[in-house]
Amino acid sequence: MIKNRKSAARSRARKQAYMLELEAEVAQLKEMNEELHRKQVFWSQCTSHGDAKGNACEGHPQVLGRVLMKAHPGKFNKEH
């Protein structure tokens, strides 16, 4: 009976560790997804206002700020 309890405790500990790893991976993937979405919005805005190479945004970092603020209002403040 004691062996069974110890085995169950080890199993629960492994499951908890695995779940923590999965949660960390999900958080990382969500962050990556948001970053890729911001880049997609930025480049789609650049190409829609410039030539096919996106030259409308070349040399204009303030354009990125405006595009990101439009895409994600409230997520970016004026300090960024």
Protein backbone atom coordinates (compact mmCIF):
# COMPACT_ATOMS: atom_id res chain seq x y z
CA MET A 1 0.00 0.00 0.00
CA ILE A 2 2.84 2.40 0.84
CA LYS A 3 4.56 1.60 -2.48
CA ASN A 4 1.36 2.43 -4.32
CA ARG A 5 1.07 5.81 -2.55
CA LYS A 6 4.70 6.68 -3.29
CA SER A 7 4.26 5.67 -6.91
CA ALA A 8 1.10 7.78 -7.18
CA ALA A 9 2.89 10.76 -5.61
CA ARG A 10 5.76 10.44 -8.11
CA SER A 11 3.26 10.19 -10.94
CA ARG A 12 1.46 13.35 -9.78
CA ALA A 13 4.78 15.17 -9.49
CA ARG A 14 5.76 14.14 -13.05
CA LYS A 15 2.36 15.21 -14.34
CA GLN A 16 2.64 18.59 -12.60
CA ALA A 17 6.15 19.17 -14.00
CA TYR A 18 4.94 18.24 -17.48
CA MET A 19 1.96 20.61 -17.19
CA LEU A 20 4.26 23.45 -16.09
CA GLU A 21 6.48 22.81 -19.12
CA LEU A 22 3.46 22.86 -21.42
CA GLU A 23 2.13 26.07 -19.87
CA ALA A 24 5.52 27.74 -20.32
CA GLU A 25 5.62 26.61 -23.94
CA VAL A 26 2.10 27.94 -24.55
CA ALA A 27 3.08 31.33 -23.07
CA GLN A 28 6.18 31.45 -25.28
CA LEU A 29 4.18 30.52 -28.39
CA LYS A 30 1.54 33.15 -27.61
CA GLU A 31 4.25 35.78 -27.29
CA MET A 32 5.81 34.67 -30.56
CA ASN A 33 2.41 34.72 -32.25
CA GLU A 34 1.77 38.30 -31.06
CA GLU A 35 5.18 39.42 -32.31
CA LEU A 36 4.62 37.81 -35.71
CA HIS A 37 1.17 39.39 -35.91
CA ARG A 38 2.63 42.83 -35.16
CA LYS A 39 5.25 42.32 -37.86
CA GLN A 40 2.63 41.17 -40.34
CA VAL A 41 0.48 44.23 -39.67
CA PHE A 42 3.50 46.49 -39.98
CA TRP A 43 4.65 45.06 -43.28
CA SER A 44 1.17 44.92 -44.76
CA GLN A 45 0.77 48.60 -43.90
CA CYS A 46 4.17 49.39 -45.42
CA THR A 47 3.48 47.58 -48.66
CA SER A 48 0.03 49.11 -48.98
CA HIS A 49 1.54 52.62 -48.70
CA GLY A 50 4.68 52.05 -50.75
CA ASP A 51 6.05 49.96 -53.52
CA ALA A 52 6.23 46.17 -53.54
CA LYS A 53 9.45 46.26 -51.52
CA GLY A 54 7.83 48.21 -48.68
CA ASN A 55 9.88 51.36 -49.26
CA ALA A 56 7.22 53.52 -47.66
CA CYS A 57 8.52 52.43 -44.23
CA GLU A 58 12.20 52.52 -45.06
CA GLY A 59 13.96 55.00 -42.80
CA HIS A 60 10.77 55.88 -40.93
CA PRO A 61 10.74 54.12 -37.53
CA GLN A 62 7.87 56.32 -36.35
CA VAL A 63 5.66 54.56 -38.90
CA LEU A 64 6.16 51.30 -37.00
CA GLY A 65 4.92 52.94 -33.79
CA ARG A 66 1.78 54.25 -35.46
CA VAL A 67 1.04 50.92 -37.12
CA LEU A 68 1.53 48.99 -33.88
CA MET A 69 -0.64 51.40 -31.91
CA LYS A 70 -3.42 51.02 -34.49
CA ALA A 71 -3.15 47.24 -34.48
CA HIS A 72 -3.05 46.92 -30.68
CA PRO A 73 -4.64 49.96 -29.03
CA GLY A 74 -3.93 50.21 -25.33
CA LYS A 75 -1.02 47.79 -25.52
CA PHE A 76 1.56 50.41 -26.44
CA ASN A 77 1.99 53.75 -24.72
CA LYS A 78 3.74 56.88 -25.98
CA GLU A 79 7.02 55.94 -24.26
CA HIS A 80 7.60 52.96 -26.59
